[in-house]
């Protein structure tokens, strides 16, 4: 029995270890880097673009590829050790330079380390070509591959280690009614750390609901104003954000019932008028828009049956065909009249709000002052 238990524990430990290892490998595979160069008076124009292309090729060789995402990057910072112009005819330019590659989290303005390519030398009668000649020594190496692997592991380790702190920070912001800032903090967790990312997404939905709780009375007041102005659809759209469990849900429910009864009476009245005019197509369309939860839903069902019974077989067949044609359009209108809001939609709305905040952080021209004077 002891031997069986011992064997089971070994198998369980192996499976757990394998699962964690697989998750880590998946996380590593999700990391990609943008590439950039901090120019100086020598590294600009074609020399700068040449250096970026070389860095991109190295990443491609490492099966990483360059990224358009502004999060994690490899930033090349060239420095000139020696710059000489020979006195011969024609004169030539000589450069001895280093290129340091900084691995950064640009969103957080954080460095994860750097790798130096030192003693790159080039000479040419053209100044830019002399620099490009020096950059020919900028080549992939086993040490640089190791640097990239170490950087990826550091990134994952950072978010795994600091995840609890990040979640706590978002809770503190939310407790101070800084909901947008809290959601931004959670949205900033990259998907390179599966566990932390999932926890962040879960908390994102909760904080979004907290935000709705705080905004609840404002939502109800806005809906009342819209109803007073006969803007029924707009009022319904506003009230969709009020969820069961939120403090003003009962008050919002009363407004929802009022809106549903309005739609009910309006569409039932339209259907009756169209029936009298024997315009069965429009009568059917109006009846399909009567909310099933409204007070006159039974009356609408009864009227629908009566209208169908009045039709000839040819009209019934034509009506069935047109209903299928109208279905997509009708579904869009029904969606405008529904108050269902599941958890996934809550999370989607939260992500939209966070994306707006993140988009404000996107800067076309990056500033690398956080690297210091290099």
Protein backbone atom coordinates (compact mmCIF):
# COMPACT_ATOMS: atom_id res chain seq x y z
CA UNK A 1 0.00 0.00 0.00
CA UNK A 2 2.81 2.41 0.91
CA UNK A 3 4.58 1.57 -2.35
CA UNK A 4 1.38 2.31 -4.35
CA UNK A 5 0.90 5.63 -2.55
CA UNK A 6 4.55 6.55 -3.12
CA UNK A 7 4.20 5.74 -6.84
CA UNK A 8 1.05 7.85 -7.03
CA UNK A 9 2.81 10.82 -5.43
CA UNK A 10 5.68 10.55 -7.89
CA UNK A 11 3.27 10.46 -10.85
CA UNK A 12 1.24 13.36 -9.44
CA UNK A 13 4.38 15.45 -8.84
CA UNK A 14 5.62 14.68 -12.35
CA UNK A 15 2.30 15.68 -13.93
CA UNK A 16 2.18 18.89 -11.90
CA UNK A 17 5.76 19.72 -12.84
CA UNK A 18 5.05 18.96 -16.50
CA UNK A 19 1.94 21.16 -16.42
CA UNK A 20 3.83 24.08 -14.86
CA UNK A 21 6.69 23.64 -17.32
CA UNK A 22 4.24 23.62 -20.27
CA UNK A 23 2.57 26.78 -18.95
CA UNK A 24 5.97 28.50 -18.64
CA UNK A 25 6.89 27.48 -22.19
CA UNK A 26 3.58 28.88 -23.45
CA UNK A 27 4.28 32.14 -21.60
CA UNK A 28 7.77 32.36 -23.10
CA UNK A 29 6.35 31.85 -26.58
CA UNK A 30 4.01 34.82 -26.13
CA UNK A 31 6.82 37.31 -25.54
CA UNK A 32 7.85 39.42 -28.53
CA UNK A 33 9.89 42.60 -28.77
CA UNK A 34 9.67 45.82 -30.72
CA UNK A 35 13.01 47.17 -31.90
CA UNK A 36 14.27 50.74 -31.86
CA UNK A 37 17.45 52.79 -31.89
CA UNK A 38 18.36 55.83 -29.82
CA UNK A 39 20.09 57.88 -32.54
CA UNK A 40 23.10 60.11 -32.13
CA UNK A 41 24.94 62.36 -34.57
CA UNK A 42 26.61 59.37 -36.23
CA UNK A 43 23.78 56.80 -36.09
CA UNK A 44 20.96 58.32 -38.10
CA UNK A 45 19.30 57.91 -41.48
CA UNK A 46 20.38 54.77 -43.35
CA UNK A 47 22.73 53.74 -40.52
CA UNK A 48 19.83 53.76 -38.04
CA UNK A 49 17.51 51.78 -40.35
CA UNK A 50 20.35 49.34 -41.06
CA UNK A 51 20.82 48.72 -37.34
CA UNK A 52 17.08 48.11 -36.81
CA UNK A 53 17.01 45.67 -39.73
CA UNK A 54 19.95 43.76 -38.27
CA UNK A 55 18.23 43.58 -34.88
CA UNK A 56 14.99 42.41 -36.52
CA UNK A 57 16.89 39.68 -38.39
CA UNK A 58 18.46 38.49 -35.14
CA UNK A 59 15.01 38.25 -33.57
CA UNK A 60 13.70 36.38 -36.60
CA UNK A 61 16.62 33.98 -36.31
CA UNK A 62 15.61 33.39 -32.68
CA UNK A 63 12.05 32.59 -33.88
CA UNK A 64 10.76 35.71 -32.12
CA UNK A 65 10.12 38.23 -34.84
CA UNK A 66 9.64 41.92 -34.15
CA UNK A 67 6.46 43.23 -32.59
CA UNK A 68 4.24 46.22 -33.32
CA UNK A 69 3.20 46.17 -29.67
CA UNK A 70 4.66 49.01 -27.60
CA UNK A 71 5.20 46.88 -24.48
CA UNK A 72 8.44 44.91 -24.52
CA UNK A 73 11.33 46.12 -26.62
CA UNK A 74 15.00 45.83 -27.49
CA UNK A 75 16.44 49.33 -27.72
CA UNK A 76 19.85 49.82 -29.30
CA UNK A 77 21.96 52.61 -27.79
CA UNK A 78 25.12 53.20 -29.88
CA UNK A 79 28.13 55.02 -28.49
CA UNK A 80 31.20 56.21 -30.40
CA UNK A 81 34.53 55.28 -28.84
CA UNK A 82 36.74 56.63 -31.65
CA UNK A 83 35.91 58.83 -34.62
CA UNK A 84 38.74 59.82 -36.96
CA UNK A 85 39.07 61.34 -40.41
CA UNK A 86 42.25 60.34 -42.20
CA UNK A 87 44.43 62.90 -43.96
CA UNK A 88 44.94 60.85 -47.11
CA UNK A 89 43.37 61.42 -50.53
CA UNK A 90 40.55 60.78 -50.57
CA UNK A 91 40.08 61.13 -46.80
CA UNK A 92 38.36 58.26 -45.01
CA UNK A 93 36.25 58.05 -41.92
CA UNK A 94 37.07 55.57 -39.19
CA UNK A 95 34.68 54.53 -36.41
CA UNK A 96 35.22 52.38 -33.34
CA UNK A 97 31.87 52.00 -31.58
CA UNK A 98 29.82 49.96 -29.11
CA UNK A 99 26.11 49.11 -29.32
CA UNK A 100 24.30 48.33 -26.08
CA UNK A 101 20.95 46.55 -26.40
CA UNK A 102 18.54 47.35 -23.56
CA UNK A 103 15.61 45.03 -22.87
CA UNK A 104 12.75 47.20 -21.64
CA UNK A 105 9.12 47.22 -20.61
CA UNK A 106 8.30 50.55 -22.23
CA UNK A 107 4.84 50.83 -20.69
CA UNK A 108 6.27 50.53 -17.19
CA UNK A 109 9.54 52.31 -18.10
CA UNK A 110 11.47 49.40 -16.66
CA UNK A 111 14.80 47.83 -17.70
CA UNK A 112 15.35 44.09 -17.64
CA UNK A 113 19.04 44.24 -18.54
CA UNK A 114 21.36 45.05 -21.42
CA UNK A 115 23.81 43.32 -23.72
CA UNK A 116 26.86 45.00 -25.20
CA UNK A 117 28.29 44.58 -28.70
CA UNK A 118 31.74 46.15 -28.24
CA UNK A 119 34.58 47.20 -30.51
CA UNK A 120 32.66 47.48 -33.79
CA UNK A 121 35.05 49.04 -36.34
CA UNK A 122 34.48 50.40 -39.83
CA UNK A 123 36.25 52.64 -42.36
CA UNK A 124 35.01 54.21 -45.60
CA UNK A 125 35.31 57.39 -47.65
CA UNK A 126 31.62 58.00 -46.93
CA UNK A 127 30.76 58.77 -43.30
CA UNK A 128 27.47 56.85 -43.20
CA UNK A 129 29.01 53.88 -45.00
CA UNK A 130 31.81 53.84 -42.46
CA UNK A 131 29.22 53.49 -39.70
CA UNK A 132 27.40 50.77 -41.68
CA UNK A 133 30.71 48.99 -42.16
CA UNK A 134 31.22 49.01 -38.39
CA UNK A 135 27.71 47.58 -37.90
CA UNK A 136 28.64 44.55 -40.02
CA UNK A 137 30.26 43.27 -36.84
CA UNK A 138 26.83 43.44 -35.18
CA UNK A 139 26.01 39.72 -35.47
CA UNK A 140 24.00 37.12 -33.56
CA UNK A 141 25.86 35.03 -31.04
CA UNK A 142 25.20 32.30 -28.52
CA UNK A 143 25.70 34.85 -25.71
CA UNK A 144 23.06 37.15 -27.18
CA UNK A 145 20.64 34.22 -27.56
CA UNK A 146 21.24 33.46 -23.89
CA UNK A 147 20.57 37.12 -23.04
CA UNK A 148 17.21 36.97 -24.84
CA UNK A 149 16.23 33.78 -23.00
CA UNK A 150 17.23 35.30 -19.66
CA UNK A 151 15.25 38.46 -20.46
CA UNK A 152 12.09 36.51 -21.26
CA UNK A 153 12.42 34.57 -18.03
CA UNK A 154 12.97 37.80 -16.08
CA UNK A 155 9.78 39.28 -17.57
CA UNK A 156 7.68 36.28 -16.59
CA UNK A 157 9.32 36.07 -13.17
CA UNK A 158 8.63 39.76 -12.56
CA UNK A 159 4.90 39.45 -13.18
CA UNK A 160 4.62 36.16 -11.33
CA UNK A 161 6.44 37.62 -8.34
CA UNK A 162 4.70 41.00 -8.32
CA UNK A 163 1.23 39.85 -9.31
CA UNK A 164 -0.17 40.04 -5.80
CA UNK A 165 1.17 43.58 -5.41
CA UNK A 166 -0.35 44.67 -8.75
CA UNK A 167 -3.74 43.24 -7.80
CA UNK A 168 -3.54 44.91 -4.39
CA UNK A 169 -2.65 48.24 -6.01
CA UNK A 170 -5.74 48.03 -8.23
CA UNK A 171 -7.90 47.28 -5.18
CA UNK A 172 -6.53 50.34 -3.40
CA UNK A 173 -7.23 52.55 -6.42
CA UNK A 174 -10.78 51.21 -6.68
CA UNK A 175 -11.38 51.79 -2.96
CA UNK A 176 -10.50 55.45 -3.57
CA UNK A 177 -13.00 55.63 -6.47
CA UNK A 178 -10.16 55.69 -9.00
CA UNK A 179 -11.84 53.00 -11.07
CA UNK A 180 -10.36 53.94 -14.43
CA UNK A 181 -6.87 53.93 -12.97
CA UNK A 182 -7.53 50.55 -11.32
CA UNK A 183 -8.76 49.05 -14.58
CA UNK A 184 -5.78 50.51 -16.42
CA UNK A 185 -3.43 48.87 -13.91
CA UNK A 186 -5.10 45.50 -14.44
CA UNK A 187 -5.19 45.90 -18.22
CA UNK A 188 -1.47 46.56 -18.14
CA UNK A 189 -0.78 42.99 -17.01
CA UNK A 190 0.57 41.32 -20.16
CA UNK A 191 -0.63 37.89 -21.24
CA UNK A 192 2.94 36.59 -20.96
CA UNK A 193 2.11 35.51 -17.40
CA UNK A 194 -0.92 33.28 -17.76
CA UNK A 195 -1.78 33.02 -14.08
CA UNK A 196 -1.39 36.74 -13.32
CA UNK A 197 -3.20 37.74 -16.51
CA UNK A 198 -6.19 35.52 -15.68
CA UNK A 199 -6.35 36.86 -12.11
CA UNK A 200 -6.18 40.40 -13.49
CA UNK A 201 -9.03 39.78 -15.92
CA UNK A 202 -11.17 38.35 -13.13
CA UNK A 203 -10.51 41.37 -10.92
CA UNK A 204 -11.10 43.68 -13.89
CA UNK A 205 -14.71 42.47 -14.12
CA UNK A 206 -15.21 42.94 -10.37
CA UNK A 207 -13.86 46.47 -10.35
CA UNK A 208 -15.97 47.36 -13.37
CA UNK A 209 -19.01 46.24 -11.40
CA UNK A 210 -17.82 48.37 -8.47
CA UNK A 211 -17.63 51.30 -10.85
CA UNK A 212 -21.19 50.63 -11.97
CA UNK A 213 -22.27 50.46 -8.33
CA UNK A 214 -20.79 53.89 -7.71
CA UNK A 215 -22.37 55.28 -10.85
CA UNK A 216 -25.72 53.60 -10.22
CA UNK A 217 -27.72 56.61 -9.08
CA UNK A 218 -26.37 58.66 -11.95
CA UNK A 219 -27.52 55.97 -14.38
CA UNK A 220 -31.04 55.96 -12.94
CA UNK A 221 -31.24 59.76 -13.03
CA UNK A 222 -30.06 59.82 -16.63
CA UNK A 223 -32.59 57.14 -17.61
CA UNK A 224 -35.43 59.10 -16.00
CA UNK A 225 -34.44 62.20 -17.97
CA UNK A 226 -34.30 60.22 -21.22
CA UNK A 227 -37.71 58.67 -20.57
CA UNK A 228 -39.14 62.11 -19.86
CA UNK A 229 -37.80 63.18 -23.25
CA UNK A 230 -39.35 60.11 -24.96
CA UNK A 231 -35.86 58.70 -25.71
CA UNK A 232 -36.85 55.15 -24.85
CA UNK A 233 -34.08 53.26 -26.65
CA UNK A 234 -31.42 55.51 -25.18
CA UNK A 235 -32.88 55.00 -21.70
CA UNK A 236 -32.84 51.23 -22.23
CA UNK A 237 -29.20 51.37 -23.32
CA UNK A 238 -28.27 53.28 -20.15
CA UNK A 239 -30.16 50.85 -17.90
CA UNK A 240 -28.38 47.84 -19.39
CA UNK A 241 -25.45 48.74 -17.17
CA UNK A 242 -27.49 48.19 -14.00
CA UNK A 243 -26.99 44.62 -12.78
CA UNK A 244 -28.76 42.53 -10.14
CA UNK A 245 -27.10 43.13 -6.79
CA UNK A 246 -26.33 46.78 -7.47
CA UNK A 247 -27.94 49.13 -4.95
CA UNK A 248 -30.36 50.86 -7.32
CA UNK A 249 -31.38 47.73 -9.21
CA UNK A 250 -34.97 47.80 -7.87
CA UNK A 251 -35.41 51.39 -8.95
CA UNK A 252 -33.87 50.60 -12.32
CA UNK A 253 -36.15 47.54 -12.67
CA UNK A 254 -39.21 49.75 -12.25
CA UNK A 255 -37.93 51.94 -15.11
CA UNK A 256 -37.22 48.86 -17.21
CA UNK A 257 -40.81 47.70 -16.70
CA UNK A 258 -42.01 51.14 -17.74
CA UNK A 259 -39.91 50.99 -20.93
CA UNK A 260 -41.05 47.45 -21.75
CA UNK A 261 -44.70 48.39 -21.27
CA UNK A 262 -44.17 51.42 -23.51
CA UNK A 263 -42.69 49.23 -26.26
CA UNK A 264 -45.46 46.74 -25.66
CA UNK A 265 -48.25 49.28 -26.10
CA UNK A 266 -46.62 51.02 -29.06
CA UNK A 267 -45.91 47.82 -31.01
CA UNK A 268 -49.21 46.17 -30.11
CA UNK A 269 -51.04 49.29 -31.27
CA UNK A 270 -49.07 49.29 -34.54
CA UNK A 271 -49.86 45.59 -35.08
CA UNK A 272 -53.57 46.19 -34.57
CA UNK A 273 -53.54 49.08 -37.07
CA UNK A 274 -51.62 47.03 -39.66
CA UNK A 275 -54.03 44.13 -39.14
CA UNK A 276 -56.99 46.36 -39.86
CA UNK A 277 -55.26 47.46 -43.08
CA UNK A 278 -54.43 43.78 -43.83
CA UNK A 279 -50.74 44.69 -43.94
CA UNK A 280 -49.73 41.42 -42.33
CA UNK A 281 -46.00 41.84 -42.97
CA UNK A 282 -45.75 44.99 -40.88
CA UNK A 283 -48.15 43.59 -38.29
CA UNK A 284 -45.89 40.57 -37.81
CA UNK A 285 -42.82 42.83 -37.59
CA UNK A 286 -44.45 44.97 -34.88
CA UNK A 287 -45.56 41.94 -32.87
CA UNK A 288 -42.06 40.44 -32.95
CA UNK A 289 -40.82 43.55 -31.15
CA UNK A 290 -43.16 43.20 -28.20
CA UNK A 291 -40.92 42.27 -25.20
CA UNK A 292 -41.80 38.79 -23.94
CA UNK A 293 -41.46 40.00 -20.34
CA UNK A 294 -43.88 42.91 -20.82
CA UNK A 295 -47.45 43.06 -19.49
CA UNK A 296 -49.08 42.63 -22.89
CA UNK A 297 -46.95 39.74 -24.15
CA UNK A 298 -49.92 37.35 -23.92
CA UNK A 299 -52.10 39.78 -25.85
CA UNK A 300 -49.44 40.03 -28.54
CA UNK A 301 -49.24 36.23 -28.84
CA UNK A 302 -53.02 35.99 -29.12
CA UNK A 303 -53.17 38.73 -31.77
CA UNK A 304 -50.40 37.01 -33.74
CA UNK A 305 -52.40 33.78 -33.80
CA UNK A 306 -55.54 35.64 -34.88
CA UNK A 307 -53.72 37.41 -37.71
CA UNK A 308 -52.19 34.19 -38.96
CA UNK A 309 -55.60 32.51 -38.94
CA UNK A 310 -57.03 35.31 -41.08
CA UNK A 311 -54.43 34.80 -43.80
CA UNK A 312 -54.94 32.73 -46.88
CA UNK A 313 -52.56 29.81 -47.45
CA UNK A 314 -50.68 31.89 -50.01
CA UNK A 315 -50.37 34.80 -47.57
CA UNK A 316 -49.20 32.46 -44.82
CA UNK A 317 -46.49 31.01 -47.06
CA UNK A 318 -45.39 34.51 -48.13
CA UNK A 319 -45.42 35.67 -44.52
CA UNK A 320 -43.21 32.74 -43.40
CA UNK A 321 -40.68 33.53 -46.13
CA UNK A 322 -40.53 37.22 -45.28
CA UNK A 323 -40.12 36.53 -41.58
CA UNK A 324 -36.93 34.60 -42.41
CA UNK A 325 -35.74 37.53 -44.53
CA UNK A 326 -36.44 39.98 -41.72
CA UNK A 327 -34.88 37.86 -39.00
CA UNK A 328 -31.44 39.53 -38.87
CA UNK A 329 -32.92 43.01 -38.88
CA UNK A 330 -35.49 42.05 -36.26
CA UNK A 331 -32.81 40.49 -34.06
CA UNK A 332 -30.86 43.75 -34.07
CA UNK A 333 -33.98 45.61 -32.97
CA UNK A 334 -34.71 43.00 -30.28
CA UNK A 335 -31.17 43.40 -29.00
CA UNK A 336 -31.86 47.08 -28.48
CA UNK A 337 -34.84 46.10 -26.33
CA UNK A 338 -33.15 43.49 -24.16
CA UNK A 339 -31.80 44.08 -20.68
CA UNK A 340 -29.76 40.90 -20.37
CA UNK A 341 -26.12 41.51 -19.52
CA UNK A 342 -24.03 38.45 -18.73
CA UNK A 343 -20.60 38.34 -17.11
CA UNK A 344 -18.79 38.09 -20.45
CA UNK A 345 -20.41 41.29 -21.63
CA UNK A 346 -19.44 42.99 -18.38
CA UNK A 347 -15.84 41.94 -18.94
CA UNK A 348 -15.98 43.08 -22.57
CA UNK A 349 -17.23 46.49 -21.51
CA UNK A 350 -14.51 46.71 -18.88
CA UNK A 351 -11.89 45.85 -21.48
CA UNK A 352 -13.25 48.52 -23.81
CA UNK A 353 -12.96 51.12 -21.06
CA UNK A 354 -9.42 49.96 -20.31
CA UNK A 355 -8.47 49.93 -23.99
CA UNK A 356 -9.45 53.58 -24.21
CA UNK A 357 -7.06 54.34 -21.37
CA UNK A 358 -4.31 52.23 -22.92
CA UNK A 359 -4.71 53.94 -26.28
CA UNK A 360 -3.93 57.26 -24.65
CA UNK A 361 -0.57 55.82 -23.60
CA UNK A 362 0.46 54.95 -27.15
CA UNK A 363 3.15 57.38 -28.25
CA UNK A 364 4.38 57.41 -31.83
CA UNK A 365 7.77 58.92 -30.92
CA UNK A 366 9.19 57.10 -27.92
CA UNK A 367 11.16 58.77 -25.19
CA UNK A 368 13.99 56.77 -23.66
CA UNK A 369 15.05 59.17 -20.93
CA UNK A 370 14.34 56.41 -18.38
CA UNK A 371 17.45 54.62 -19.71
CA UNK A 372 19.54 57.47 -18.33
CA UNK A 373 22.45 59.22 -19.99
CA UNK A 374 24.13 56.53 -22.01
